[in-house]
Amino acid sequence: MSYYDTILRYDWETTRRAIYAKNDADVERALAAERPTMDDFAALVSPAADKYLGEMASKSYATTRRRFGNVMQLYVPLYLANICQNHCVYCGFNCTNKIHRAILTPEEIHAEAQAIKRDPFQHILLVTGEAPRSSSVQYLADSMKIMQRYFEQISIEVQPLDTDEYRLLKDYGLHAVYVYQETYNRDRYPVYHLRGKKTNYRYRLETPDRLCEAGVHKVGLGNLIGLEDWRTEAYFTALHLRYLENRYWRTKYSVAFPRLRPYVGEDGFNPEHPASERNLFQLICAYRLLSEDVELSISTRESADFRDRVMPFGVTVISAGSKTTPGGYAHPNRELEQWSINDNRTPREVEAAVRAKGLDPVWKDWSFFMQEEVETPALLTHSA
C-alpha cells in the first residue's frame, strides 16, 4: 500500500468542483477547527477563503511562532549537473533544450563549496538533472563525501531512487530529500512529461514512501504551481502530506511552493493556471493551519518583496544567494541555468531582511529550537 493506492480513490474533476463549491460557512468552520480535516483544507484553499485571508494569516502567524519560535532556516542549493534524460516541457534542463551541458568534477565541487562558504551556510541542497548514468548514485555519494568536509547537513533534489539506494546515501550524510510530483493529475501528467523515466507517474509518486522506508530524516513535497489548477494540486499535495504523517510519523516533512519561472532556451512555457502572489500566500496559510509541524519553504523563485512580506506568516525555511547553474558560485554562467532567479540579494542581505522581521536566521536545519512569544506584525494589507 502506498499513496498511489490512496489517490486512485479520488477523481480530479470531482475534487476540483468540491473545492470551488465551498462557501463562507465552510471557511468559518475550518478556521474554528482545532484539528482541521482535509475537507477544512479544501475550504481554506477555495475562492471563498480569499476574503478571510487576514484571519488565516493571523492564525498562521500564531501557530508558526508557537511551534517554531522565531527561527528562520537558511539553505543554499548547489547544482552539480544540468544533464537530463527527461523531456519535461516546462523545464530548462529538458533533453531537447539546446544549452551547454555540464557536470561538475570533484575539483569543481570543492571550488563551489569554498565559494559558498564565504557565508556561514551549514545546510546545502545538492541538485542535478535526472540522468541516472552521469548523475549516478555513486556520483552523488562521492559528491556528498566532499560536501561533508564543508557542511553539517546535506540534502538532495535528484532523480527518484530505489529504497536501497537511499539507504546507501544515508551512509554519506544524507539528511533530506526533496521530490516534487509536479502535477498530481494522473490524466494530464503525460502532457508535460514526454520522454524519460519521469514519464512513470507511479514510480515518482511512491518516492516519498521509499524515502520513509529507508529512514531518511526529512522528505520534501510539492507541486509545480501553474501546470494545473493550483487549488486542486494543493489539495492532493496536502492529502499526500497527511498520508505520510499518519503512516510514517517518525519522519519530518516539508512543503515547497515552486511557481513556474522563465528559463534559458529556444522554447518557453506559458502556464495555463498561473497563481498570483496573493494566491500563494493563501496556500502558505492553509498548509500551516492544516499542519503545525510541517516546514514550509519559499525559494528565490519569488521576489524579494514577496518573500519579505510573507516570511513571518508560516514560512520556516528560505533559500538565499541561489545560483541555478552548475559551477555558478565560483564561475557564474547564466546560459546553464534551470530557471531564472527572482530574488538576487546576497545571503547577508537576506539575513538582514530576516532580522528586520524580528526573526532569527539559522544557517542550518535544526530539529529543536527555542520558542519565544513575539508581537504579531501587521498583516499583508494589499493584494499581491
Protein backbone atom coordinates (compact mmCIF):
# COMPACT_ATOMS: atom_id res chain seq x y z
CA MET A 1 0.00 0.00 0.00
CA SER A 2 1.31 3.43 -0.95
CA TYR A 3 -0.07 6.89 -1.64
CA TYR A 4 -0.75 5.71 -5.17
CA ASP A 5 -3.45 3.40 -3.80
CA THR A 6 -4.92 6.31 -1.85
CA ILE A 7 -5.07 8.75 -4.76
CA LEU A 8 -6.73 6.17 -7.00
CA ARG A 9 -9.84 6.60 -4.88
CA TYR A 10 -10.13 10.25 -5.90
CA ASP A 11 -11.33 11.84 -9.12
CA TRP A 12 -9.58 15.10 -10.08
CA GLU A 13 -12.60 16.89 -11.51
CA THR A 14 -14.90 15.87 -8.66
CA THR A 15 -12.36 17.17 -6.16
CA ARG A 16 -11.92 20.43 -8.08
CA ARG A 17 -15.66 21.06 -8.14
CA ALA A 18 -15.95 20.34 -4.41
CA ILE A 19 -13.25 22.93 -3.66
CA TYR A 20 -14.88 25.61 -5.80
CA ALA A 21 -18.27 24.89 -4.19
CA LYS A 22 -17.08 25.82 -0.68
CA ASN A 23 -18.83 28.81 0.89
CA ASP A 24 -18.33 31.25 3.77
CA ALA A 25 -19.76 28.83 6.34
CA ASP A 26 -17.28 26.16 5.27
CA VAL A 27 -14.35 28.57 5.64
CA GLU A 28 -15.51 29.79 9.04
CA ARG A 29 -15.89 26.20 10.23
CA ALA A 30 -12.37 25.43 9.00
CA LEU A 31 -10.94 28.45 10.81
CA ALA A 32 -12.63 27.37 14.04
CA ALA A 33 -11.41 23.78 13.84
CA GLU A 34 -8.80 22.72 16.39
CA ARG A 35 -7.71 19.86 14.15
CA PRO A 36 -8.59 20.75 10.55
CA THR A 37 -9.66 17.92 8.26
CA MET A 38 -8.97 17.59 4.55
CA ASP A 39 -12.46 18.98 3.97
CA ASP A 40 -11.44 22.01 6.04
CA PHE A 41 -8.28 22.36 3.94
CA ALA A 42 -10.41 22.34 0.79
CA ALA A 43 -12.33 25.29 2.21
CA LEU A 44 -9.12 27.15 3.11
CA VAL A 45 -7.78 26.94 -0.46
CA SER A 46 -11.14 27.70 -2.07
CA PRO A 47 -12.10 31.01 -3.70
CA ALA A 48 -14.45 31.61 -0.75
CA ALA A 49 -11.46 31.85 1.62
CA ASP A 50 -9.95 34.89 -0.09
CA LYS A 51 -11.99 37.35 1.99
CA TYR A 52 -10.76 35.56 5.15
CA LEU A 53 -7.08 35.88 4.28
CA GLY A 54 -6.38 38.29 7.13
CA GLU A 55 -7.80 35.88 9.70
CA MET A 56 -5.94 32.99 8.10
CA ALA A 57 -2.70 34.98 8.26
CA SER A 58 -3.19 35.83 11.93
CA LYS A 59 -3.78 32.19 12.88
CA SER A 60 -0.91 31.03 10.69
CA TYR A 61 1.44 33.53 12.32
CA ALA A 62 0.45 32.50 15.84
CA THR A 63 0.72 28.78 15.04
CA THR A 64 4.15 29.18 13.47
CA ARG A 65 5.57 31.20 16.35
CA ARG A 66 4.18 28.74 18.89
CA ARG A 67 5.67 25.72 17.10
CA PHE A 68 8.90 27.11 15.61
CA GLY A 69 9.63 30.17 17.72
CA ASN A 70 11.42 32.93 15.82
CA VAL A 71 13.68 30.61 13.84
CA MET A 72 14.07 31.01 10.08
CA GLN A 73 16.29 28.36 8.50
CA LEU A 74 18.52 29.33 5.58
CA TYR A 75 19.91 26.97 2.96
CA VAL A 76 21.64 27.20 -0.41
CA PRO A 77 21.28 24.97 -3.49
CA LEU A 78 24.36 23.69 -5.32
CA TYR A 79 23.72 22.48 -8.87
CA LEU A 80 26.07 19.61 -9.65
CA ALA A 81 24.83 18.93 -13.20
CA ASN A 82 22.29 20.05 -15.78
CA ILE A 83 22.35 16.85 -17.84
CA CYS A 84 18.86 15.35 -18.05
CA GLN A 85 17.29 12.44 -19.93
CA ASN A 86 13.73 13.67 -19.44
CA HIS A 87 11.69 15.82 -21.79
CA CYS A 88 9.59 17.94 -19.45
CA VAL A 89 8.01 20.77 -21.42
CA TYR A 90 8.31 23.32 -18.59
CA CYS A 91 11.98 22.85 -17.60
CA GLY A 92 15.19 24.45 -18.85
CA PHE A 93 17.10 21.21 -18.29
CA ASN A 94 14.85 19.16 -20.61
CA CYS A 95 16.79 16.96 -23.02
CA THR A 96 15.63 18.81 -26.16
CA ASN A 97 16.68 22.26 -24.93
CA LYS A 98 19.83 23.31 -26.79
CA ILE A 99 22.00 24.57 -23.96
CA HIS A 100 25.52 23.68 -22.94
CA ARG A 101 25.51 20.69 -20.57
CA ALA A 102 27.87 20.31 -17.64
CA ILE A 103 28.59 18.01 -14.73
CA LEU A 104 30.97 19.16 -12.03
CA THR A 105 34.24 17.36 -11.39
CA PRO A 106 35.46 16.75 -7.82
CA GLU A 107 37.77 19.77 -8.17
CA GLU A 108 34.88 21.96 -9.32
CA ILE A 109 32.69 20.72 -6.46
CA HIS A 110 35.40 21.75 -4.00
CA ALA A 111 35.55 25.18 -5.67
CA GLU A 112 31.78 25.61 -5.41
CA ALA A 113 31.76 24.62 -1.74
CA GLN A 114 34.58 27.03 -0.96
CA ALA A 115 32.78 29.86 -2.76
CA ILE A 116 29.55 29.15 -0.86
CA LYS A 117 31.40 29.04 2.47
CA ARG A 118 32.19 32.73 2.17
CA ASP A 119 28.88 32.86 4.01
CA PRO A 120 28.11 30.71 7.08
CA PHE A 121 25.80 28.18 5.38
CA GLN A 122 25.67 24.77 7.05
CA HIS A 123 22.75 23.33 5.05
CA ILE A 124 23.47 22.50 1.40
CA LEU A 125 20.98 21.20 -1.16
CA LEU A 126 22.61 19.23 -4.00
CA VAL A 127 20.67 19.38 -7.28
CA THR A 128 21.08 17.56 -10.58
CA GLY A 129 19.07 16.90 -13.70
CA GLU A 130 17.59 13.42 -13.89
CA ALA A 131 20.32 11.41 -15.65
CA PRO A 132 20.97 8.14 -13.78
CA ARG A 133 24.07 7.30 -15.83
CA SER A 134 26.00 10.55 -15.43
CA SER A 135 24.49 11.65 -12.10
CA SER A 136 24.64 8.12 -10.73
CA VAL A 137 24.19 7.07 -7.13
CA GLN A 138 27.96 6.66 -6.90
CA TYR A 139 28.48 10.19 -8.27
CA LEU A 140 26.04 11.51 -5.68
CA ALA A 141 27.79 9.58 -2.90
CA ASP A 142 31.20 10.90 -3.98
CA SER A 143 29.83 14.46 -4.12
CA MET A 144 28.27 14.11 -0.68
CA LYS A 145 31.55 12.84 0.71
CA ILE A 146 33.17 16.08 -0.46
CA MET A 147 30.32 18.13 0.99
CA GLN A 148 30.80 16.56 4.42
CA ARG A 149 34.06 18.50 4.69
CA TYR A 150 32.21 21.80 4.40
CA PHE A 151 28.61 21.41 5.58
CA GLU A 152 26.83 19.87 8.56
CA GLN A 153 23.66 18.92 6.67
CA ILE A 154 23.31 17.62 3.14
CA SER A 155 20.03 17.37 1.25
CA ILE A 156 19.43 16.32 -2.34
CA GLU A 157 16.98 17.04 -5.16
CA VAL A 158 17.78 14.48 -7.86
CA GLN A 159 16.06 11.69 -9.82
CA PRO A 160 13.89 9.34 -7.73
CA LEU A 161 15.87 6.37 -6.42
CA ASP A 162 15.14 2.93 -5.02
CA THR A 163 14.90 2.31 -1.28
CA ASP A 164 18.31 0.62 -1.01
CA GLU A 165 19.95 3.49 -2.88
CA TYR A 166 18.58 5.97 -0.36
CA ARG A 167 19.87 3.76 2.45
CA LEU A 168 23.32 3.82 0.85
CA LEU A 169 23.31 7.63 0.61
CA LYS A 170 22.39 7.87 4.29
CA ASP A 171 25.88 6.48 4.99
CA TYR A 172 27.27 9.58 3.26
CA GLY A 173 25.34 12.01 5.44
CA LEU A 174 22.02 12.29 3.60
CA HIS A 175 19.72 14.46 5.72
CA ALA A 176 16.71 15.21 3.49
CA VAL A 177 15.35 14.55 0.01
CA TYR A 178 13.07 16.88 -1.94
CA VAL A 179 10.98 15.28 -4.68
CA TYR A 180 8.16 17.16 -6.35
CA GLN A 181 5.35 15.37 -8.15
CA GLU A 182 4.97 18.40 -10.47
CA THR A 183 1.29 17.56 -11.00
CA TYR A 184 -0.91 15.05 -9.19
CA ASN A 185 -3.33 14.98 -12.12
CA ARG A 186 -2.86 11.44 -13.48
CA ASP A 187 -4.64 12.14 -16.76
CA ARG A 188 -2.66 15.30 -17.51
CA TYR A 189 0.73 14.15 -16.23
CA PRO A 190 1.75 12.65 -19.63
CA VAL A 191 1.07 16.01 -21.35
CA TYR A 192 4.02 17.56 -19.52
CA HIS A 193 6.39 14.59 -19.36
CA LEU A 194 7.10 13.32 -22.86
CA ARG A 195 10.25 11.23 -22.50
CA GLY A 196 12.47 9.65 -19.90
CA LYS A 197 11.96 7.85 -16.60
CA LYS A 198 9.93 10.78 -15.31
CA THR A 199 7.07 9.60 -17.52
CA ASN A 200 6.40 6.97 -14.83
CA TYR A 201 3.79 8.74 -12.69
CA ARG A 202 3.50 5.96 -10.13
CA TYR A 203 7.23 5.49 -9.52
CA ARG A 204 7.64 9.20 -8.84
CA LEU A 205 4.53 9.35 -6.66
CA GLU A 206 5.76 6.48 -4.47
CA THR A 207 9.19 8.04 -3.92
CA PRO A 208 8.28 9.54 -0.52
CA ASP A 209 7.14 6.08 0.63
CA ARG A 210 10.54 4.66 -0.34
CA LEU A 211 12.30 7.52 1.42
CA CYS A 212 10.42 6.92 4.64
CA GLU A 213 11.05 3.18 4.43
CA ALA A 214 14.76 3.95 4.01
CA GLY A 215 14.70 6.05 7.19
CA VAL A 216 15.60 9.40 5.61
CA HIS A 217 15.23 12.15 8.22
CA LYS A 218 13.13 14.60 6.18
CA VAL A 219 11.05 14.38 3.00
CA GLY A 220 10.09 17.41 0.92
CA LEU A 221 6.86 17.54 -1.13
CA GLY A 222 5.41 19.97 -3.62
CA ASN A 223 3.80 20.53 -6.99
CA LEU A 224 4.82 22.87 -9.78
CA ILE A 225 2.38 25.73 -9.46
CA GLY A 226 0.99 26.74 -12.84
CA LEU A 227 0.69 23.38 -14.58
CA GLU A 228 -2.82 22.55 -13.38
CA ASP A 229 -5.44 24.20 -11.17
CA TRP A 230 -3.40 25.26 -8.15
CA ARG A 231 -6.19 24.78 -5.62
CA THR A 232 -6.73 21.15 -6.65
CA GLU A 233 -2.98 20.50 -6.77
CA ALA A 234 -2.71 21.87 -3.23
CA TYR A 235 -5.44 19.51 -2.06
CA PHE A 236 -3.66 16.42 -3.37
CA THR A 237 -0.29 17.61 -2.07
CA ALA A 238 -1.86 18.12 1.37
CA LEU A 239 -3.53 14.71 1.14
CA HIS A 240 -0.10 13.24 0.39
CA LEU A 241 1.34 15.04 3.42
CA ARG A 242 -1.41 13.79 5.71
CA TYR A 243 -1.00 10.23 4.43
CA LEU A 244 2.74 10.35 5.15
CA GLU A 245 2.34 11.99 8.57
CA ASN A 246 -0.09 9.26 9.61
CA ARG A 247 1.86 6.31 8.22
CA TYR A 248 5.47 7.41 8.80
CA TRP A 249 5.14 9.56 11.88
CA ARG A 250 8.83 9.49 12.78
CA THR A 251 9.79 11.36 9.59
CA LYS A 252 9.87 15.15 9.24
CA TYR A 253 8.19 16.79 6.25
CA SER A 254 8.38 20.00 4.30
CA VAL A 255 6.29 21.56 1.54
CA ALA A 256 7.65 23.95 -1.08
CA PHE A 257 5.76 26.26 -3.43
CA PRO A 258 7.66 26.38 -6.74
CA ARG A 259 5.91 28.59 -9.28
CA LEU A 260 6.80 28.28 -12.94
CA ARG A 261 9.59 30.67 -13.93
CA PRO A 262 11.17 31.55 -17.32
CA TYR A 263 14.21 29.56 -18.40
CA VAL A 264 17.01 29.89 -20.95
CA GLY A 265 16.39 28.08 -24.23
CA GLU A 266 14.54 28.08 -27.52
CA ASP A 267 11.06 27.27 -26.29
CA GLY A 268 9.46 28.93 -23.32
CA PHE A 269 6.45 27.55 -21.46
CA ASN A 270 3.36 29.56 -20.64
CA PRO A 271 1.41 28.16 -17.68
CA GLU A 272 -2.32 27.78 -18.20
CA HIS A 273 -3.13 28.03 -14.49
CA PRO A 274 -0.96 30.81 -13.03
CA ALA A 275 -1.24 31.69 -9.35
CA SER A 276 -0.78 35.23 -8.06
CA GLU A 277 1.27 36.18 -5.01
CA ARG A 278 -1.96 36.55 -3.07
CA ASN A 279 -2.94 33.02 -4.11
CA LEU A 280 0.45 31.74 -2.98
CA PHE A 281 0.06 33.47 0.37
CA GLN A 282 -3.32 31.76 0.79
CA LEU A 283 -1.63 28.41 0.21
CA ILE A 284 1.06 29.09 2.80
CA CYS A 285 -1.53 29.93 5.44
CA ALA A 286 -3.74 26.95 4.54
CA TYR A 287 -0.88 24.46 4.89
CA ARG A 288 0.17 25.94 8.23
CA LEU A 289 -3.37 25.67 9.59
CA LEU A 290 -3.56 22.05 8.40
CA SER A 291 -0.24 21.01 9.95
CA GLU A 292 1.58 22.70 12.81
CA ASP A 293 4.69 20.59 12.28
CA VAL A 294 5.33 20.75 8.54
CA GLU A 295 8.15 23.01 7.38
CA LEU A 296 7.16 25.49 4.66
CA SER A 297 9.78 26.73 2.22
CA ILE A 298 9.94 29.69 -0.18
CA SER A 299 12.79 29.84 -2.70
CA THR A 300 14.40 32.62 -4.71
CA ARG A 301 11.89 31.91 -7.49
CA GLU A 302 9.84 34.54 -5.63
CA SER A 303 10.62 38.25 -5.43
CA ALA A 304 12.48 39.80 -2.51
CA ASP A 305 9.44 41.94 -1.68
CA PHE A 306 7.06 38.98 -1.57
CA ARG A 307 9.41 36.81 0.45
CA ASP A 308 9.91 39.59 2.98
CA ARG A 309 6.18 40.16 3.38
CA VAL A 310 5.17 36.52 3.84
CA MET A 311 8.20 35.48 5.87
CA PRO A 312 6.55 35.67 9.32
CA PHE A 313 3.26 34.00 8.35
CA GLY A 314 4.05 30.31 8.15
CA VAL A 315 7.33 30.09 6.27
CA THR A 316 10.15 28.39 8.19
CA VAL A 317 12.79 27.79 5.50
CA ILE A 318 14.18 30.06 2.77
CA SER A 319 17.00 29.83 0.27
CA ALA A 320 19.48 32.66 -0.16
CA GLY A 321 22.04 33.68 -2.75
CA SER A 322 20.92 30.89 -5.08
CA LYS A 323 22.58 30.03 -8.40
CA THR A 324 20.78 27.52 -10.63
CA THR A 325 23.77 26.77 -12.85
CA PRO A 326 26.44 24.08 -12.37
CA GLY A 327 29.53 25.95 -11.20
CA GLY A 328 27.51 29.13 -10.71
CA TYR A 329 29.09 30.20 -7.42
CA ALA A 330 32.72 30.03 -8.48
CA HIS A 331 32.08 30.94 -12.14
CA PRO A 332 28.63 32.47 -12.84
CA ASN A 333 27.16 31.41 -16.21
CA ARG A 334 23.51 32.21 -16.88
CA GLU A 335 23.43 30.03 -20.02
CA LEU A 336 23.30 26.87 -17.91
CA GLU A 337 20.52 27.84 -15.51
CA GLN A 338 17.41 25.75 -14.88
CA TRP A 339 15.17 28.74 -14.20
CA SER A 340 15.66 32.46 -13.61
CA ILE A 341 16.22 33.82 -10.11
CA ASN A 342 13.74 36.42 -8.84
CA ASP A 343 15.43 37.37 -5.55
CA ASN A 344 19.02 38.31 -6.34
CA ARG A 345 20.05 39.51 -2.88
CA THR A 346 23.22 38.23 -1.29
CA PRO A 347 22.93 35.80 1.64
CA ARG A 348 23.89 38.57 4.04
CA GLU A 349 21.17 40.83 2.63
CA VAL A 350 18.62 38.04 3.11
CA GLU A 351 19.91 37.54 6.65
CA ALA A 352 19.35 41.25 7.35
CA ALA A 353 15.82 41.03 5.94
CA VAL A 354 15.06 38.10 8.24
CA ARG A 355 16.28 40.05 11.27
CA ALA A 356 14.24 43.07 10.19
CA LYS A 357 11.13 40.92 10.59
CA GLY A 358 12.07 40.07 14.17
CA LEU A 359 13.16 36.56 13.22
CA ASP A 360 16.38 34.69 13.94
CA PRO A 361 18.27 33.43 10.87
CA VAL A 362 19.74 29.97 11.37
CA TRP A 363 22.20 28.68 8.77
CA LYS A 364 21.35 25.01 9.22
CA ASP A 365 18.30 22.80 9.72
CA TRP A 366 17.65 22.48 13.45
CA SER A 367 15.26 19.81 14.73
CA PHE A 368 14.76 21.58 18.04
CA PHE A 369 14.80 25.27 18.73
CA MET A 370 13.87 27.79 21.37
CA GLN A 371 10.30 29.06 21.27
CA GLU A 372 9.53 32.65 22.13
CA GLU A 373 6.37 34.70 22.04
CA VAL A 374 6.54 37.80 19.85
CA GLU A 375 4.16 40.55 18.95
CA THR A 376 2.22 39.88 15.74
CA PRO A 377 3.35 42.24 12.95
CA ALA A 378 0.94 43.95 10.59
CA LEU A 379 -0.76 41.60 8.16
CA LEU A 380 -0.49 41.93 4.43
CA THR A 381 -2.64 44.91 3.65
CA HIS A 382 -2.78 44.82 -0.12
CA SER A 383 -3.48 42.33 -2.84
CA ALA A 384 -0.26 40.78 -4.14
